[in-house]
Amino acid sequence: MALPRKLKNMNLYNDGASYMGLSKSVTLPNLTRKMEAWRGAGMDGPVKVDLGHGDDGIQVEWTLGGYDMTAVRQYGITSASGAMLRWAGAVQRDDTGEVSAVEVVVRGRHEEIDFGDAEVGEDTEHKITTTCSYYKLTVDGNVEVEIDLLNFVFIVGGEDRLAEQRKAIGL
């Protein structure tokens, strides 16, 4: 019998600057595909056709304690990949003690900065939503998923899922 790997600790970096002691939570991006049902002649039921990444895009939400001017100064950045965030997690199995390094790197720009409630004598935190044009998931040094929307790259488990499409359109 095995026990699941559980997040034991984490850190968040914004353009290389550590948020150790400041980062409260990070909601990692959902990976979604846009699917459309197709039922043609001779089919007994529909099959969903994959039309690429989901329309909601890739986004990460993160919460910091206090005030952070780095993110505020990045607000309104003109490049779709202008801000880089790196989340590093230590994931451990309690049956074996094995620790895995999980890393998510995204590039994008901040869509929303929510400064929350300002109340004297109460905790101050703010939440940032970053919409991303790039995503990479690495586990124990192995790149598991890499998505670069601007450069038409989609790699899962080492397989370049868009290679044939790039070749077909001359890229």
C-alpha atoms as a PDB file:
ATOM      1  CA  MET A   1       0.000   0.000   0.000  1.00  0.00           C
ATOM      2  CA  ALA A   2       1.199   3.529  -0.714  1.00  0.00           C
ATOM      3  CA  LEU A   3       0.377   6.952   0.634  1.00  0.00           C
ATOM      4  CA  PRO A   4      -0.153   9.898  -1.718  1.00  0.00           C
ATOM      5  CA  ARG A   5       2.410  12.591  -2.324  1.00  0.00           C
ATOM      6  CA  LYS A   6       1.384  15.710  -0.381  1.00  0.00           C
ATOM      7  CA  LEU A   7       2.636  19.275  -0.601  1.00  0.00           C
ATOM      8  CA  LYS A   8       4.785  19.885   2.481  1.00  0.00           C
ATOM      9  CA  ASN A   9       6.280  23.281   1.616  1.00  0.00           C
ATOM     10  CA  MET A  10       6.539  25.776  -1.193  1.00  0.00           C
ATOM     11  CA  ASN A  11       7.988  29.055  -2.350  1.00  0.00           C
ATOM     12  CA  LEU A  12       7.013  31.550  -5.015  1.00  0.00           C
ATOM     13  CA  TYR A  13       9.387  33.683  -7.059  1.00  0.00           C
ATOM     14  CA  ASN A  14       8.534  36.752  -9.134  1.00  0.00           C
ATOM     15  CA  ASP A  15      11.187  37.505 -11.751  1.00  0.00           C
ATOM     16  CA  GLY A  16      13.681  35.658  -9.548  1.00  0.00           C
ATOM     17  CA  ALA A  17      12.829  37.465  -6.289  1.00  0.00           C
ATOM     18  CA  SER A  18      11.793  35.076  -3.509  1.00  0.00           C
ATOM     19  CA  TYR A  19       8.498  35.496  -1.666  1.00  0.00           C
ATOM     20  CA  MET A  20       9.665  33.275   1.221  1.00  0.00           C
ATOM     21  CA  GLY A  21       7.624  34.277   4.259  1.00  0.00           C
ATOM     22  CA  LEU A  22       5.331  36.457   2.113  1.00  0.00           C
ATOM     23  CA  SER A  23       3.500  34.018  -0.172  1.00  0.00           C
ATOM     24  CA  LYS A  24       0.368  32.684   1.506  1.00  0.00           C
ATOM     25  CA  SER A  25      -1.213  30.618  -1.247  1.00  0.00           C
ATOM     26  CA  VAL A  26      -0.914  29.858  -4.935  1.00  0.00           C
ATOM     27  CA  THR A  27      -3.667  28.443  -7.133  1.00  0.00           C
ATOM     28  CA  LEU A  28      -1.799  26.714  -9.911  1.00  0.00           C
ATOM     29  CA  PRO A  29      -3.222  26.851 -13.452  1.00  0.00           C
ATOM     30  CA  ASN A  30      -5.898  24.471 -14.632  1.00  0.00           C
ATOM     31  CA  LEU A  31      -4.924  22.803 -17.891  1.00  0.00           C
ATOM     32  CA  THR A  32      -7.965  22.769 -20.148  1.00  0.00           C
ATOM     33  CA  ARG A  33      -8.747  21.804 -23.725  1.00  0.00           C
ATOM     34  CA  LYS A  34     -11.516  23.237 -25.874  1.00  0.00           C
ATOM     35  CA  MET A  35     -13.648  20.323 -27.032  1.00  0.00           C
ATOM     36  CA  GLU A  36     -16.576  20.295 -29.436  1.00  0.00           C
ATOM     37  CA  ALA A  37     -18.951  17.395 -29.877  1.00  0.00           C
ATOM     38  CA  TRP A  38     -19.086  15.932 -33.403  1.00  0.00           C
ATOM     39  CA  ARG A  39     -21.519  13.299 -34.550  1.00  0.00           C
ATOM     40  CA  GLY A  40     -21.314  12.446 -38.210  1.00  0.00           C
ATOM     41  CA  ALA A  41     -23.023   9.943 -40.440  1.00  0.00           C
ATOM     42  CA  GLY A  42     -22.671   6.357 -39.275  1.00  0.00           C
ATOM     43  CA  MET A  43     -21.686   7.333 -35.722  1.00  0.00           C
ATOM     44  CA  ASP A  44     -23.808   5.989 -32.868  1.00  0.00           C
ATOM     45  CA  GLY A  45     -22.860   8.880 -30.613  1.00  0.00           C
ATOM     46  CA  PRO A  46     -20.799  12.035 -30.460  1.00  0.00           C
ATOM     47  CA  VAL A  47     -17.029  12.195 -30.125  1.00  0.00           C
ATOM     48  CA  LYS A  48     -15.486  15.336 -28.742  1.00  0.00           C
ATOM     49  CA  VAL A  49     -13.007  16.911 -31.156  1.00  0.00           C
ATOM     50  CA  ASP A  50      -9.983  18.652 -29.602  1.00  0.00           C
ATOM     51  CA  LEU A  51      -9.742  22.258 -30.811  1.00  0.00           C
ATOM     52  CA  GLY A  52      -6.717  23.308 -28.766  1.00  0.00           C
ATOM     53  CA  HIS A  53      -6.324  24.947 -25.396  1.00  0.00           C
ATOM     54  CA  GLY A  54      -9.376  26.164 -23.510  1.00  0.00           C
ATOM     55  CA  ASP A  55     -10.799  29.632 -24.150  1.00  0.00           C
ATOM     56  CA  ASP A  56     -10.233  30.713 -20.541  1.00  0.00           C
ATOM     57  CA  GLY A  57      -6.492  30.471 -21.089  1.00  0.00           C
ATOM     58  CA  ILE A  58      -3.876  29.697 -18.482  1.00  0.00           C
ATOM     59  CA  GLN A  59      -3.896  31.679 -15.266  1.00  0.00           C
ATOM     60  CA  VAL A  60      -2.402  31.544 -11.808  1.00  0.00           C
ATOM     61  CA  GLU A  61      -3.821  33.206  -8.715  1.00  0.00           C
ATOM     62  CA  TRP A  62      -1.569  34.025  -5.801  1.00  0.00           C
ATOM     63  CA  THR A  63      -1.962  35.682  -2.421  1.00  0.00           C
ATOM     64  CA  LEU A  64       0.704  37.617  -0.550  1.00  0.00           C
ATOM     65  CA  GLY A  65       0.776  39.018   2.946  1.00  0.00           C
ATOM     66  CA  GLY A  66       1.392  42.760   3.218  1.00  0.00           C
ATOM     67  CA  TYR A  67       2.052  44.924   0.174  1.00  0.00           C
ATOM     68  CA  ASP A  68       4.307  43.988  -2.730  1.00  0.00           C
ATOM     69  CA  MET A  69       5.478  46.733  -5.044  1.00  0.00           C
ATOM     70  CA  THR A  70       7.149  44.327  -7.506  1.00  0.00           C
ATOM     71  CA  ALA A  71       3.794  43.062  -8.761  1.00  0.00           C
ATOM     72  CA  VAL A  72       2.276  46.548  -8.693  1.00  0.00           C
ATOM     73  CA  ARG A  73       5.118  47.881 -10.848  1.00  0.00           C
ATOM     74  CA  GLN A  74       4.537  45.032 -13.320  1.00  0.00           C
ATOM     75  CA  TYR A  75       0.858  45.910 -13.665  1.00  0.00           C
ATOM     76  CA  GLY A  76       0.015  47.002 -17.211  1.00  0.00           C
ATOM     77  CA  ILE A  77       3.204  45.529 -18.650  1.00  0.00           C
ATOM     78  CA  THR A  78       2.817  45.511 -22.427  1.00  0.00           C
ATOM     79  CA  SER A  79       4.386  42.130 -23.241  1.00  0.00           C
ATOM     80  CA  ALA A  80       2.114  39.070 -23.037  1.00  0.00           C
ATOM     81  CA  SER A  81       5.030  37.240 -21.405  1.00  0.00           C
ATOM     82  CA  GLY A  82       6.476  40.169 -19.463  1.00  0.00           C
ATOM     83  CA  ALA A  83       6.342  38.780 -15.910  1.00  0.00           C
ATOM     84  CA  MET A  84       7.774  35.424 -14.877  1.00  0.00           C
ATOM     85  CA  LEU A  85       6.563  33.489 -11.845  1.00  0.00           C
ATOM     86  CA  ARG A  86       8.125  30.290 -10.538  1.00  0.00           C
ATOM     87  CA  TRP A  87       6.404  28.123  -7.959  1.00  0.00           C
ATOM     88  CA  ALA A  88       8.555  25.497  -6.247  1.00  0.00           C
ATOM     89  CA  GLY A  89       6.948  22.794  -4.156  1.00  0.00           C
ATOM     90  CA  ALA A  90       8.311  20.032  -1.935  1.00  0.00           C
ATOM     91  CA  VAL A  91       5.966  17.070  -2.276  1.00  0.00           C
ATOM     92  CA  GLN A  92       6.511  14.138   0.086  1.00  0.00           C
ATOM     93  CA  ARG A  93       5.197  10.617   0.568  1.00  0.00           C
ATOM     94  CA  ASP A  94       4.652   9.786   4.224  1.00  0.00           C
ATOM     95  CA  ASP A  95       5.131   6.029   3.752  1.00  0.00           C
ATOM     96  CA  THR A  96       8.639   6.256   2.244  1.00  0.00           C
ATOM     97  CA  GLY A  97       9.680   9.814   3.114  1.00  0.00           C
ATOM     98  CA  GLU A  98      10.557  10.376  -0.562  1.00  0.00           C
ATOM     99  CA  VAL A  99      10.515  14.075  -1.509  1.00  0.00           C
ATOM    100  CA  SER A 100       9.825  15.214  -5.056  1.00  0.00           C
ATOM    101  CA  ALA A 101      10.620  18.670  -6.396  1.00  0.00           C
ATOM    102  CA  VAL A 102       7.659  20.078  -8.326  1.00  0.00           C
ATOM    103  CA  GLU A 103       8.107  23.322 -10.228  1.00  0.00           C
ATOM    104  CA  VAL A 104       5.696  25.409 -12.280  1.00  0.00           C
ATOM    105  CA  VAL A 105       7.059  28.291 -14.349  1.00  0.00           C
ATOM    106  CA  VAL A 106       4.681  30.718 -16.033  1.00  0.00           C
ATOM    107  CA  ARG A 107       5.148  33.898 -18.015  1.00  0.00           C
ATOM    108  CA  GLY A 108       2.406  36.412 -18.543  1.00  0.00           C
ATOM    109  CA  ARG A 109       0.970  39.618 -17.143  1.00  0.00           C
ATOM    110  CA  HIS A 110      -1.123  40.527 -14.151  1.00  0.00           C
ATOM    111  CA  GLU A 111      -4.787  40.770 -15.032  1.00  0.00           C
ATOM    112  CA  GLU A 112      -6.009  41.769 -11.577  1.00  0.00           C
ATOM    113  CA  ILE A 113      -4.516  42.996  -8.323  1.00  0.00           C
ATOM    114  CA  ASP A 114      -7.015  42.849  -5.464  1.00  0.00           C
ATOM    115  CA  PHE A 115      -5.761  44.827  -2.472  1.00  0.00           C
ATOM    116  CA  GLY A 116      -8.496  43.377  -0.237  1.00  0.00           C
ATOM    117  CA  ASP A 117      -9.926  45.101   2.812  1.00  0.00           C
ATOM    118  CA  ALA A 118      -7.918  47.738   4.633  1.00  0.00           C
ATOM    119  CA  GLU A 119      -8.773  47.500   8.315  1.00  0.00           C
ATOM    120  CA  VAL A 120      -6.643  48.757  11.167  1.00  0.00           C
ATOM    121  CA  GLY A 121      -5.367  45.961  13.362  1.00  0.00           C
ATOM    122  CA  GLU A 122      -6.304  43.236  10.883  1.00  0.00           C
ATOM    123  CA  ASP A 123      -4.259  41.091   8.516  1.00  0.00           C
ATOM    124  CA  THR A 124      -3.345  42.736   5.216  1.00  0.00           C
ATOM    125  CA  GLU A 125      -3.005  40.651   2.107  1.00  0.00           C
ATOM    126  CA  HIS A 126      -3.557  41.066  -1.583  1.00  0.00           C
ATOM    127  CA  LYS A 127      -4.411  38.669  -4.379  1.00  0.00           C
ATOM    128  CA  ILE A 128      -3.021  38.746  -7.870  1.00  0.00           C
ATOM    129  CA  THR A 129      -4.358  36.994 -10.962  1.00  0.00           C
ATOM    130  CA  THR A 130      -1.781  36.481 -13.690  1.00  0.00           C
ATOM    131  CA  THR A 131      -2.885  35.427 -17.159  1.00  0.00           C
ATOM    132  CA  CYS A 132      -0.188  33.389 -18.851  1.00  0.00           C
ATOM    133  CA  SER A 133       1.154  32.831 -22.337  1.00  0.00           C
ATOM    134  CA  TYR A 134       3.701  30.230 -21.168  1.00  0.00           C
ATOM    135  CA  TYR A 135       3.505  27.286 -18.744  1.00  0.00           C
ATOM    136  CA  LYS A 136       6.002  24.586 -17.780  1.00  0.00           C
ATOM    137  CA  LEU A 137       5.549  21.801 -15.225  1.00  0.00           C
ATOM    138  CA  THR A 138       8.716  20.033 -14.090  1.00  0.00           C
ATOM    139  CA  VAL A 139       8.786  17.121 -11.618  1.00  0.00           C
ATOM    140  CA  ASP A 140      12.130  15.913 -10.254  1.00  0.00           C
ATOM    141  CA  GLY A 141      13.954  17.596 -13.138  1.00  0.00           C
ATOM    142  CA  ASN A 142      11.740  16.071 -15.866  1.00  0.00           C
ATOM    143  CA  VAL A 143       9.676  18.461 -17.978  1.00  0.00           C
ATOM    144  CA  GLU A 144       6.199  16.932 -17.970  1.00  0.00           C
ATOM    145  CA  VAL A 145       4.213  19.675 -19.713  1.00  0.00           C
ATOM    146  CA  GLU A 146       5.357  22.749 -21.632  1.00  0.00           C
ATOM    147  CA  ILE A 147       2.931  25.130 -23.320  1.00  0.00           C
ATOM    148  CA  ASP A 148       4.119  28.215 -25.197  1.00  0.00           C
ATOM    149  CA  LEU A 149       1.017  29.765 -26.732  1.00  0.00           C
ATOM    150  CA  LEU A 150       2.911  32.531 -28.562  1.00  0.00           C
ATOM    151  CA  ASN A 151       5.323  30.105 -30.228  1.00  0.00           C
ATOM    152  CA  PHE A 152       2.874  27.258 -31.004  1.00  0.00           C
ATOM    153  CA  VAL A 153       4.561  24.757 -28.658  1.00  0.00           C
ATOM    154  CA  PHE A 154       2.710  22.018 -26.751  1.00  0.00           C
ATOM    155  CA  ILE A 155       4.839  19.254 -25.239  1.00  0.00           C
ATOM    156  CA  VAL A 156       3.545  16.531 -22.890  1.00  0.00           C
ATOM    157  CA  GLY A 157       5.796  13.794 -21.532  1.00  0.00           C
ATOM    158  CA  GLY A 158       8.474  14.639 -24.103  1.00  0.00           C
ATOM    159  CA  GLU A 159       6.065  14.401 -27.053  1.00  0.00           C
ATOM    160  CA  ASP A 160       5.723  17.554 -29.158  1.00  0.00           C
ATOM    161  CA  ARG A 161       2.005  17.421 -29.878  1.00  0.00           C
ATOM    162  CA  LEU A 162       2.107  20.288 -32.398  1.00  0.00           C
ATOM    163  CA  ALA A 163       5.175  19.232 -34.411  1.00  0.00           C
ATOM    164  CA  GLU A 164       3.156  17.824 -37.313  1.00  0.00           C
ATOM    165  CA  GLN A 165       0.862  20.856 -37.399  1.00  0.00           C
ATOM    166  CA  ARG A 166       3.853  23.237 -37.470  1.00  0.00           C
ATOM    167  CA  LYS A 167       5.357  21.168 -40.303  1.00  0.00           C
ATOM    168  CA  ALA A 168       2.040  21.210 -42.233  1.00  0.00           C
ATOM    169  CA  ILE A 169       1.847  25.011 -42.135  1.00  0.00           C
ATOM    170  CA  GLY A 170       5.535  25.611 -42.848  1.00  0.00           C
ATOM    171  CA  LEU A 171       6.760  26.575 -39.381  1.00  0.00           C
END
